[in-house]
mmCIF file of all heavy atoms, coordinates in Angstrom:
data_MODEL
# 
_entry.id   MODEL 
# 
loop_
_atom_site.group_PDB 
_atom_site.id 
_atom_site.type_symbol 
_atom_site.label_atom_id 
_atom_site.label_alt_id 
_atom_site.label_comp_id 
_atom_site.label_asym_id 
_atom_site.label_entity_id 
_atom_site.label_seq_id 
_atom_site.pdbx_PDB_ins_code 
_atom_site.Cartn_x 
_atom_site.Cartn_y 
_atom_site.Cartn_z 
_atom_site.occupancy 
_atom_site.B_iso_or_equiv 
_atom_site.pdbx_formal_charge 
_atom_site.auth_seq_id 
_atom_site.auth_comp_id 
_atom_site.auth_asym_id 
_atom_site.auth_atom_id 
_atom_site.pdbx_PDB_model_num 
ATOM 1   N N   . ASP A 1 1  ? -3.473 5.629   17.887  1.00 0.00 ? 1  ASP A N   1 
ATOM 2   C CA  . ASP A 1 1  ? -3.859 6.869   17.240  1.00 0.00 ? 1  ASP A CA  1 
ATOM 3   C C   . ASP A 1 1  ? -2.970 7.071   16.023  1.00 0.00 ? 1  ASP A C   1 
ATOM 4   O O   . ASP A 1 1  ? -1.761 7.208   16.149  1.00 0.00 ? 1  ASP A O   1 
ATOM 5   C CB  . ASP A 1 1  ? -3.717 8.031   18.217  1.00 0.00 ? 1  ASP A CB  1 
ATOM 6   C CG  . ASP A 1 1  ? -4.327 9.300   17.663  1.00 0.00 ? 1  ASP A CG  1 
ATOM 7   O OD1 . ASP A 1 1  ? -5.222 9.195   16.804  1.00 0.00 ? 1  ASP A OD1 1 
ATOM 8   O OD2 . ASP A 1 1  ? -3.909 10.375  18.099  1.00 0.00 ? 1  ASP A OD2 1 
ATOM 9   N N   . PHE A 1 2  ? -3.585 6.994   14.842  1.00 0.00 ? 2  PHE A N   1 
ATOM 10  C CA  . PHE A 1 2  ? -2.823 7.158   13.608  1.00 0.00 ? 2  PHE A CA  1 
ATOM 11  C C   . PHE A 1 2  ? -2.897 8.605   13.140  1.00 0.00 ? 2  PHE A C   1 
ATOM 12  O O   . PHE A 1 2  ? -3.966 9.208   13.109  1.00 0.00 ? 2  PHE A O   1 
ATOM 13  C CB  . PHE A 1 2  ? -3.362 6.247   12.497  1.00 0.00 ? 2  PHE A CB  1 
ATOM 14  C CG  . PHE A 1 2  ? -3.105 4.793   12.739  1.00 0.00 ? 2  PHE A CG  1 
ATOM 15  C CD1 . PHE A 1 2  ? -4.132 3.935   13.096  1.00 0.00 ? 2  PHE A CD1 1 
ATOM 16  C CD2 . PHE A 1 2  ? -1.823 4.275   12.611  1.00 0.00 ? 2  PHE A CD2 1 
ATOM 17  C CE1 . PHE A 1 2  ? -3.900 2.600   13.299  1.00 0.00 ? 2  PHE A CE1 1 
ATOM 18  C CE2 . PHE A 1 2  ? -1.585 2.938   12.824  1.00 0.00 ? 2  PHE A CE2 1 
ATOM 19  C CZ  . PHE A 1 2  ? -2.612 2.089   13.166  1.00 0.00 ? 2  PHE A CZ  1 
ATOM 20  N N   . SER A 1 3  ? -1.760 9.112   12.744  1.00 0.00 ? 3  SER A N   1 
ATOM 21  C CA  . SER A 1 3  ? -1.735 10.458  12.178  1.00 0.00 ? 3  SER A CA  1 
ATOM 22  C C   . SER A 1 3  ? -2.121 10.372  10.707  1.00 0.00 ? 3  SER A C   1 
ATOM 23  O O   . SER A 1 3  ? -2.029 9.308   10.091  1.00 0.00 ? 3  SER A O   1 
ATOM 24  C CB  . SER A 1 3  ? -0.344 11.065  12.335  1.00 0.00 ? 3  SER A CB  1 
ATOM 25  O OG  . SER A 1 3  ? 0.571  10.388  11.515  1.00 0.00 ? 3  SER A OG  1 
ATOM 26  N N   . PRO A 1 4  ? -2.544 11.445  10.122  1.00 0.00 ? 4  PRO A N   1 
ATOM 27  C CA  . PRO A 1 4  ? -2.899 11.425  8.689   1.00 0.00 ? 4  PRO A CA  1 
ATOM 28  C C   . PRO A 1 4  ? -1.722 11.000  7.806   1.00 0.00 ? 4  PRO A C   1 
ATOM 29  O O   . PRO A 1 4  ? -1.904 10.286  6.830   1.00 0.00 ? 4  PRO A O   1 
ATOM 30  C CB  . PRO A 1 4  ? -3.320 12.863  8.401   1.00 0.00 ? 4  PRO A CB  1 
ATOM 31  C CG  . PRO A 1 4  ? -3.734 13.430  9.704   1.00 0.00 ? 4  PRO A CG  1 
ATOM 32  C CD  . PRO A 1 4  ? -2.890 12.740  10.737  1.00 0.00 ? 4  PRO A CD  1 
ATOM 33  N N   . PHE A 1 5  ? -0.514 11.399  8.193   1.00 0.00 ? 5  PHE A N   1 
ATOM 34  C CA  . PHE A 1 5  ? 0.666  11.019  7.405   1.00 0.00 ? 5  PHE A CA  1 
ATOM 35  C C   . PHE A 1 5  ? 0.876  9.507   7.421   1.00 0.00 ? 5  PHE A C   1 
ATOM 36  O O   . PHE A 1 5  ? 1.134  8.890   6.390   1.00 0.00 ? 5  PHE A O   1 
ATOM 37  C CB  . PHE A 1 5  ? 1.911  11.736  7.946   1.00 0.00 ? 5  PHE A CB  1 
ATOM 38  C CG  . PHE A 1 5  ? 3.168  11.334  7.235   1.00 0.00 ? 5  PHE A CG  1 
ATOM 39  C CD1 . PHE A 1 5  ? 3.433  11.778  5.941   1.00 0.00 ? 5  PHE A CD1 1 
ATOM 40  C CD2 . PHE A 1 5  ? 4.090  10.487  7.848   1.00 0.00 ? 5  PHE A CD2 1 
ATOM 41  C CE1 . PHE A 1 5  ? 4.583  11.396  5.278   1.00 0.00 ? 5  PHE A CE1 1 
ATOM 42  C CE2 . PHE A 1 5  ? 5.238  10.103  7.183   1.00 0.00 ? 5  PHE A CE2 1 
ATOM 43  C CZ  . PHE A 1 5  ? 5.494  10.566  5.901   1.00 0.00 ? 5  PHE A CZ  1 
ATOM 44  N N   . SER A 1 6  ? 0.770  8.872   8.579   1.00 0.00 ? 6  SER A N   1 
ATOM 45  C CA  . SER A 1 6  ? 0.978  7.428   8.667   1.00 0.00 ? 6  SER A CA  1 
ATOM 46  C C   . SER A 1 6  ? -0.119 6.671   7.924   1.00 0.00 ? 6  SER A C   1 
ATOM 47  O O   . SER A 1 6  ? 0.135  5.606   7.351   1.00 0.00 ? 6  SER A O   1 
ATOM 48  C CB  . SER A 1 6  ? 1.073  6.977   10.119  1.00 0.00 ? 6  SER A CB  1 
ATOM 49  O OG  . SER A 1 6  ? -0.129 7.246   10.798  1.00 0.00 ? 6  SER A OG  1 
ATOM 50  N N   . MET A 1 7  ? -1.339 7.191   7.914   1.00 0.00 ? 7  MET A N   1 
ATOM 51  C CA  . MET A 1 7  ? -2.411 6.546   7.159   1.00 0.00 ? 7  MET A CA  1 
ATOM 52  C C   . MET A 1 7  ? -2.147 6.626   5.657   1.00 0.00 ? 7  MET A C   1 
ATOM 53  O O   . MET A 1 7  ? -2.359 5.653   4.933   1.00 0.00 ? 7  MET A O   1 
ATOM 54  C CB  . MET A 1 7  ? -3.764 7.175   7.501   1.00 0.00 ? 7  MET A CB  1 
ATOM 55  C CG  . MET A 1 7  ? -4.300 6.743   8.840   1.00 0.00 ? 7  MET A CG  1 
ATOM 56  S SD  . MET A 1 7  ? -6.025 7.157   9.072   1.00 0.00 ? 7  MET A SD  1 
ATOM 57  C CE  . MET A 1 7  ? -5.872 8.791   9.757   1.00 0.00 ? 7  MET A CE  1 
ATOM 58  N N   . VAL A 1 8  ? -1.655 7.742   5.188   1.00 0.00 ? 8  VAL A N   1 
ATOM 59  C CA  . VAL A 1 8  ? -1.326 7.894   3.769   1.00 0.00 ? 8  VAL A CA  1 
ATOM 60  C C   . VAL A 1 8  ? -0.208 6.939   3.394   1.00 0.00 ? 8  VAL A C   1 
ATOM 61  O O   . VAL A 1 8  ? -0.258 6.259   2.363   1.00 0.00 ? 8  VAL A O   1 
ATOM 62  C CB  . VAL A 1 8  ? -0.955 9.357   3.442   1.00 0.00 ? 8  VAL A CB  1 
ATOM 63  C CG1 . VAL A 1 8  ? -0.356 9.468   2.049   1.00 0.00 ? 8  VAL A CG1 1 
ATOM 64  C CG2 . VAL A 1 8  ? -2.162 10.259  3.581   1.00 0.00 ? 8  VAL A CG2 1 
ATOM 65  N N   . VAL A 1 9  ? 0.804  6.845   4.246   1.00 0.00 ? 9  VAL A N   1 
ATOM 66  C CA  . VAL A 1 9  ? 1.927  5.930   3.988   1.00 0.00 ? 9  VAL A CA  1 
ATOM 67  C C   . VAL A 1 9  ? 1.428  4.486   3.961   1.00 0.00 ? 9  VAL A C   1 
ATOM 68  O O   . VAL A 1 9  ? 1.816  3.692   3.099   1.00 0.00 ? 9  VAL A O   1 
ATOM 69  C CB  . VAL A 1 9  ? 3.045  6.122   5.036   1.00 0.00 ? 9  VAL A CB  1 
ATOM 70  C CG1 . VAL A 1 9  ? 4.080  5.014   4.940   1.00 0.00 ? 9  VAL A CG1 1 
ATOM 71  C CG2 . VAL A 1 9  ? 3.692  7.484   4.873   1.00 0.00 ? 9  VAL A CG2 1 
ATOM 72  N N   . ALA A 1 10 ? 0.542  4.119   4.868   1.00 0.00 ? 10 ALA A N   1 
ATOM 73  C CA  . ALA A 1 10 ? 0.011  2.753   4.903   1.00 0.00 ? 10 ALA A CA  1 
ATOM 74  C C   . ALA A 1 10 ? -0.812 2.456   3.650   1.00 0.00 ? 10 ALA A C   1 
ATOM 75  O O   . ALA A 1 10 ? -0.692 1.370   3.060   1.00 0.00 ? 10 ALA A O   1 
ATOM 76  C CB  . ALA A 1 10 ? -0.840 2.555   6.148   1.00 0.00 ? 10 ALA A CB  1 
ATOM 77  N N   . ILE A 1 11 ? -1.624 3.405   3.223   1.00 0.00 ? 11 ILE A N   1 
ATOM 78  C CA  . ILE A 1 11 ? -2.443 3.199   2.024   1.00 0.00 ? 11 ILE A CA  1 
ATOM 79  C C   . ILE A 1 11 ? -1.558 3.046   0.795   1.00 0.00 ? 11 ILE A C   1 
ATOM 80  O O   . ILE A 1 11 ? -1.777 2.159   -0.041  1.00 0.00 ? 11 ILE A O   1 
ATOM 81  C CB  . ILE A 1 11 ? -3.448 4.363   1.852   1.00 0.00 ? 11 ILE A CB  1 
ATOM 82  C CG1 . ILE A 1 11 ? -4.522 4.288   2.937   1.00 0.00 ? 11 ILE A CG1 1 
ATOM 83  C CG2 . ILE A 1 11 ? -4.082 4.343   0.472   1.00 0.00 ? 11 ILE A CG2 1 
ATOM 84  C CD1 . ILE A 1 11 ? -5.418 5.510   2.996   1.00 0.00 ? 11 ILE A CD1 1 
ATOM 85  N N   . VAL A 1 12 ? -0.532 3.879   0.694   1.00 0.00 ? 12 VAL A N   1 
ATOM 86  C CA  . VAL A 1 12 ? 0.387  3.780   -0.448  1.00 0.00 ? 12 VAL A CA  1 
ATOM 87  C C   . VAL A 1 12 ? 1.127  2.454   -0.421  1.00 0.00 ? 12 VAL A C   1 
ATOM 88  O O   . VAL A 1 12 ? 1.273  1.778   -1.450  1.00 0.00 ? 12 VAL A O   1 
ATOM 89  C CB  . VAL A 1 12 ? 1.371  4.978   -0.462  1.00 0.00 ? 12 VAL A CB  1 
ATOM 90  C CG1 . VAL A 1 12 ? 2.487  4.759   -1.463  1.00 0.00 ? 12 VAL A CG1 1 
ATOM 91  C CG2 . VAL A 1 12 ? 0.623  6.264   -0.763  1.00 0.00 ? 12 VAL A CG2 1 
ATOM 92  N N   . ALA A 1 13 ? 1.581  2.028   0.748   1.00 0.00 ? 13 ALA A N   1 
ATOM 93  C CA  . ALA A 1 13 ? 2.309  0.759   0.863   1.00 0.00 ? 13 ALA A CA  1 
ATOM 94  C C   . ALA A 1 13 ? 1.413  -0.421  0.483   1.00 0.00 ? 13 ALA A C   1 
ATOM 95  O O   . ALA A 1 13 ? 1.840  -1.340  -0.227  1.00 0.00 ? 13 ALA A O   1 
ATOM 96  C CB  . ALA A 1 13 ? 2.845  0.589   2.281   1.00 0.00 ? 13 ALA A CB  1 
ATOM 97  N N   . ILE A 1 14 ? 0.186  -0.412  0.923   1.00 0.00 ? 14 ILE A N   1 
ATOM 98  C CA  . ILE A 1 14 ? -0.756 -1.490  0.591   1.00 0.00 ? 14 ILE A CA  1 
ATOM 99  C C   . ILE A 1 14 ? -1.040 -1.493  -0.908  1.00 0.00 ? 14 ILE A C   1 
ATOM 100 O O   . ILE A 1 14 ? -1.067 -2.558  -1.544  1.00 0.00 ? 14 ILE A O   1 
ATOM 101 C CB  . ILE A 1 14 ? -2.055 -1.344  1.413   1.00 0.00 ? 14 ILE A CB  1 
ATOM 102 C CG1 . ILE A 1 14 ? -1.784 -1.651  2.883   1.00 0.00 ? 14 ILE A CG1 1 
ATOM 103 C CG2 . ILE A 1 14 ? -3.145 -2.263  0.869   1.00 0.00 ? 14 ILE A CG2 1 
ATOM 104 C CD1 . ILE A 1 14 ? -2.941 -1.321  3.810   1.00 0.00 ? 14 ILE A CD1 1 
ATOM 105 N N   . SER A 1 15 ? -1.220 -0.319  -1.500  1.00 0.00 ? 15 SER A N   1 
ATOM 106 C CA  . SER A 1 15 ? -1.495 -0.231  -2.943  1.00 0.00 ? 15 SER A CA  1 
ATOM 107 C C   . SER A 1 15 ? -0.322 -0.734  -3.765  1.00 0.00 ? 15 SER A C   1 
ATOM 108 O O   . SER A 1 15 ? -0.500 -1.486  -4.732  1.00 0.00 ? 15 SER A O   1 
ATOM 109 C CB  . SER A 1 15 ? -1.819 1.208   -3.336  1.00 0.00 ? 15 SER A CB  1 
ATOM 110 O OG  . SER A 1 15 ? -2.957 1.659   -2.666  1.00 0.00 ? 15 SER A OG  1 
ATOM 111 N N   . VAL A 1 16 ? 0.886  -0.329  -3.392  1.00 0.00 ? 16 VAL A N   1 
ATOM 112 C CA  . VAL A 1 16 ? 2.077  -0.780  -4.122  1.00 0.00 ? 16 VAL A CA  1 
ATOM 113 C C   . VAL A 1 16 ? 2.255  -2.284  -3.964  1.00 0.00 ? 16 VAL A C   1 
ATOM 114 O O   . VAL A 1 16 ? 2.549  -3.001  -4.923  1.00 0.00 ? 16 VAL A O   1 
ATOM 115 C CB  . VAL A 1 16 ? 3.324  -0.007  -3.641  1.00 0.00 ? 16 VAL A CB  1 
ATOM 116 C CG1 . VAL A 1 16 ? 4.597  -0.631  -4.177  1.00 0.00 ? 16 VAL A CG1 1 
ATOM 117 C CG2 . VAL A 1 16 ? 3.236  1.451   -4.062  1.00 0.00 ? 16 VAL A CG2 1 
ATOM 118 N N   . GLY A 1 17 ? 2.052  -2.788  -2.758  1.00 0.00 ? 17 GLY A N   1 
ATOM 119 C CA  . GLY A 1 17 ? 2.175  -4.236  -2.520  1.00 0.00 ? 17 GLY A CA  1 
ATOM 120 C C   . GLY A 1 17 ? 1.162  -5.030  -3.335  1.00 0.00 ? 17 GLY A C   1 
ATOM 121 O O   . GLY A 1 17 ? 1.486  -6.072  -3.915  1.00 0.00 ? 17 GLY A O   1 
ATOM 122 N N   . ALA A 1 18 ? -0.070 -4.526  -3.410  1.00 0.00 ? 18 ALA A N   1 
ATOM 123 C CA  . ALA A 1 18 ? -1.103 -5.209  -4.195  1.00 0.00 ? 18 ALA A CA  1 
ATOM 124 C C   . ALA A 1 18 ? -0.750 -5.188  -5.681  1.00 0.00 ? 18 ALA A C   1 
ATOM 125 O O   . ALA A 1 18 ? -0.954 -6.178  -6.391  1.00 0.00 ? 18 ALA A O   1 
ATOM 126 C CB  . ALA A 1 18 ? -2.458 -4.561  -3.956  1.00 0.00 ? 18 ALA A CB  1 
ATOM 127 N N   . GLY A 1 19 ? -0.206 -4.071  -6.159  1.00 0.00 ? 19 GLY A N   1 
ATOM 128 C CA  . GLY A 1 19 ? 0.208  -3.987  -7.565  1.00 0.00 ? 19 GLY A CA  1 
ATOM 129 C C   . GLY A 1 19 ? 1.320  -4.962  -7.884  1.00 0.00 ? 19 GLY A C   1 
ATOM 130 O O   . GLY A 1 19 ? 1.322  -5.606  -8.931  1.00 0.00 ? 19 GLY A O   1 
ATOM 131 N N   . VAL A 1 20 ? 2.291  -5.073  -6.976  1.00 0.00 ? 20 VAL A N   1 
ATOM 132 C CA  . VAL A 1 20 ? 3.400  -6.006  -7.187  1.00 0.00 ? 20 VAL A CA  1 
ATOM 133 C C   . VAL A 1 20 ? 2.885  -7.446  -7.223  1.00 0.00 ? 20 VAL A C   1 
ATOM 134 O O   . VAL A 1 20 ? 3.268  -8.237  -8.086  1.00 0.00 ? 20 VAL A O   1 
ATOM 135 C CB  . VAL A 1 20 ? 4.476  -5.826  -6.089  1.00 0.00 ? 20 VAL A CB  1 
ATOM 136 C CG1 . VAL A 1 20 ? 5.483  -6.957  -6.108  1.00 0.00 ? 20 VAL A CG1 1 
ATOM 137 C CG2 . VAL A 1 20 ? 5.174  -4.477  -6.253  1.00 0.00 ? 20 VAL A CG2 1 
ATOM 138 N N   . LEU A 1 21 ? 2.007  -7.795  -6.294  1.00 0.00 ? 21 LEU A N   1 
ATOM 139 C CA  . LEU A 1 21 ? 1.442  -9.150  -6.280  1.00 0.00 ? 21 LEU A CA  1 
ATOM 140 C C   . LEU A 1 21 ? 0.633  -9.424  -7.543  1.00 0.00 ? 21 LEU A C   1 
ATOM 141 O O   . LEU A 1 21 ? 0.704  -10.521 -8.112  1.00 0.00 ? 21 LEU A O   1 
ATOM 142 C CB  . LEU A 1 21 ? 0.561  -9.354  -5.044  1.00 0.00 ? 21 LEU A CB  1 
ATOM 143 C CG  . LEU A 1 21 ? 1.298  -9.577  -3.731  1.00 0.00 ? 21 LEU A CG  1 
ATOM 144 C CD1 . LEU A 1 21 ? 0.301  -9.631  -2.582  1.00 0.00 ? 21 LEU A CD1 1 
ATOM 145 C CD2 . LEU A 1 21 ? 2.118  -10.850 -3.788  1.00 0.00 ? 21 LEU A CD2 1 
ATOM 146 N N   . ASN A 1 22 ? -0.137 -8.455  -7.986  1.00 0.00 ? 22 ASN A N   1 
ATOM 147 C CA  . ASN A 1 22 ? -0.931 -8.608  -9.203  1.00 0.00 ? 22 ASN A CA  1 
ATOM 148 C C   . ASN A 1 22 ? -0.024 -8.877  -10.401 1.00 0.00 ? 22 ASN A C   1 
ATOM 149 O O   . ASN A 1 22 ? -0.286 -9.787  -11.197 1.00 0.00 ? 22 ASN A O   1 
ATOM 150 C CB  . ASN A 1 22 ? -1.783 -7.364  -9.427  1.00 0.00 ? 22 ASN A CB  1 
ATOM 151 C CG  . ASN A 1 22 ? -2.786 -7.546  -10.528 1.00 0.00 ? 22 ASN A CG  1 
ATOM 152 O OD1 . ASN A 1 22 ? -3.161 -8.663  -10.860 1.00 0.00 ? 22 ASN A OD1 1 
ATOM 153 N ND2 . ASN A 1 22 ? -3.229 -6.448  -11.104 1.00 0.00 ? 22 ASN A ND2 1 
ATOM 154 N N   . ASN A 1 23 ? 1.043  -8.115  -10.540 1.00 0.00 ? 23 ASN A N   1 
ATOM 155 C CA  . ASN A 1 23 ? 1.983  -8.328  -11.643 1.00 0.00 ? 23 ASN A CA  1 
ATOM 156 C C   . ASN A 1 23 ? 2.675  -9.676  -11.545 1.00 0.00 ? 23 ASN A C   1 
ATOM 157 O O   . ASN A 1 23 ? 2.901  -10.348 -12.545 1.00 0.00 ? 23 ASN A O   1 
ATOM 158 C CB  . ASN A 1 23 ? 3.029  -7.211  -11.684 1.00 0.00 ? 23 ASN A CB  1 
ATOM 159 C CG  . ASN A 1 23 ? 2.451  -5.917  -12.197 1.00 0.00 ? 23 ASN A CG  1 
ATOM 160 O OD1 . ASN A 1 23 ? 1.430  -5.918  -12.882 1.00 0.00 ? 23 ASN A OD1 1 
ATOM 161 N ND2 . ASN A 1 23 ? 3.082  -4.813  -11.848 1.00 0.00 ? 23 ASN A ND2 1 
ATOM 162 N N   . TYR A 1 24 ? 3.006  -10.104 -10.340 1.00 0.00 ? 24 TYR A N   1 
ATOM 163 C CA  . TYR A 1 24 ? 3.645  -11.406 -10.142 1.00 0.00 ? 24 TYR A CA  1 
ATOM 164 C C   . TYR A 1 24 ? 2.722  -12.535 -10.618 1.00 0.00 ? 24 TYR A C   1 
ATOM 165 O O   . TYR A 1 24 ? 3.154  -13.439 -11.338 1.00 0.00 ? 24 TYR A O   1 
ATOM 166 C CB  . TYR A 1 24 ? 3.989  -11.600 -8.663  1.00 0.00 ? 24 TYR A CB  1 
ATOM 167 C CG  . TYR A 1 24 ? 4.438  -13.002 -8.331  1.00 0.00 ? 24 TYR A CG  1 
ATOM 168 C CD1 . TYR A 1 24 ? 5.700  -13.450 -8.682  1.00 0.00 ? 24 TYR A CD1 1 
ATOM 169 C CD2 . TYR A 1 24 ? 3.584  -13.880 -7.675  1.00 0.00 ? 24 TYR A CD2 1 
ATOM 170 C CE1 . TYR A 1 24 ? 6.106  -14.731 -8.391  1.00 0.00 ? 24 TYR A CE1 1 
ATOM 171 C CE2 . TYR A 1 24 ? 3.977  -15.164 -7.374  1.00 0.00 ? 24 TYR A CE2 1 
ATOM 172 C CZ  . TYR A 1 24 ? 5.243  -15.590 -7.729  1.00 0.00 ? 24 TYR A CZ  1 
ATOM 173 O OH  . TYR A 1 24 ? 5.635  -16.867 -7.442  1.00 0.00 ? 24 TYR A OH  1 
ATOM 174 N N   . PHE A 1 25 ? 1.457  -12.483 -10.240 1.00 0.00 ? 25 PHE A N   1 
ATOM 175 C CA  . PHE A 1 25 ? 0.527  -13.537 -10.640 1.00 0.00 ? 25 PHE A CA  1 
ATOM 176 C C   . PHE A 1 25 ? 0.264  -13.520 -12.148 1.00 0.00 ? 25 PHE A C   1 
ATOM 177 O O   . PHE A 1 25 ? 0.122  -14.576 -12.772 1.00 0.00 ? 25 PHE A O   1 
ATOM 178 C CB  . PHE A 1 25 ? -0.784 -13.437 -9.859  1.00 0.00 ? 25 PHE A CB  1 
ATOM 179 C CG  . PHE A 1 25 ? -0.636 -13.813 -8.404  1.00 0.00 ? 25 PHE A CG  1 
ATOM 180 C CD1 . PHE A 1 25 ? -1.079 -12.956 -7.412  1.00 0.00 ? 25 PHE A CD1 1 
ATOM 181 C CD2 . PHE A 1 25 ? -0.053 -15.004 -8.032  1.00 0.00 ? 25 PHE A CD2 1 
ATOM 182 C CE1 . PHE A 1 25 ? -0.946 -13.297 -6.077  1.00 0.00 ? 25 PHE A CE1 1 
ATOM 183 C CE2 . PHE A 1 25 ? 0.090  -15.363 -6.708  1.00 0.00 ? 25 PHE A CE2 1 
ATOM 184 C CZ  . PHE A 1 25 ? -0.351 -14.502 -5.715  1.00 0.00 ? 25 PHE A CZ  1 
ATOM 185 N N   . LYS A 1 26 ? 0.217  -12.332 -12.746 1.00 0.00 ? 26 LYS A N   1 
ATOM 186 C CA  . LYS A 1 26 ? 0.046  -12.250 -14.197 1.00 0.00 ? 26 LYS A CA  1 
ATOM 187 C C   . LYS A 1 26 ? 1.233  -12.873 -14.925 1.00 0.00 ? 26 LYS A C   1 
ATOM 188 O O   . LYS A 1 26 ? 1.072  -13.613 -15.892 1.00 0.00 ? 26 LYS A O   1 
ATOM 189 C CB  . LYS A 1 26 ? -0.121 -10.799 -14.632 1.00 0.00 ? 26 LYS A CB  1 
ATOM 190 C CG  . LYS A 1 26 ? -1.489 -10.220 -14.402 1.00 0.00 ? 26 LYS A CG  1 
ATOM 191 C CD  . LYS A 1 26 ? -1.572 -8.799  -14.930 1.00 0.00 ? 26 LYS A CD  1 
ATOM 192 C CE  . LYS A 1 26 ? -2.916 -8.188  -14.679 1.00 0.00 ? 26 LYS A CE  1 
ATOM 193 N NZ  . LYS A 1 26 ? -2.985 -6.796  -15.151 1.00 0.00 ? 26 LYS A NZ  1 
# 
């Protein structure tokens, strides 16, 4: 059972991680 706060944290973490990977490949 995920709380709304943990879902927001997970979405932000995934977005930041994807941005970092995108910049690394560029």
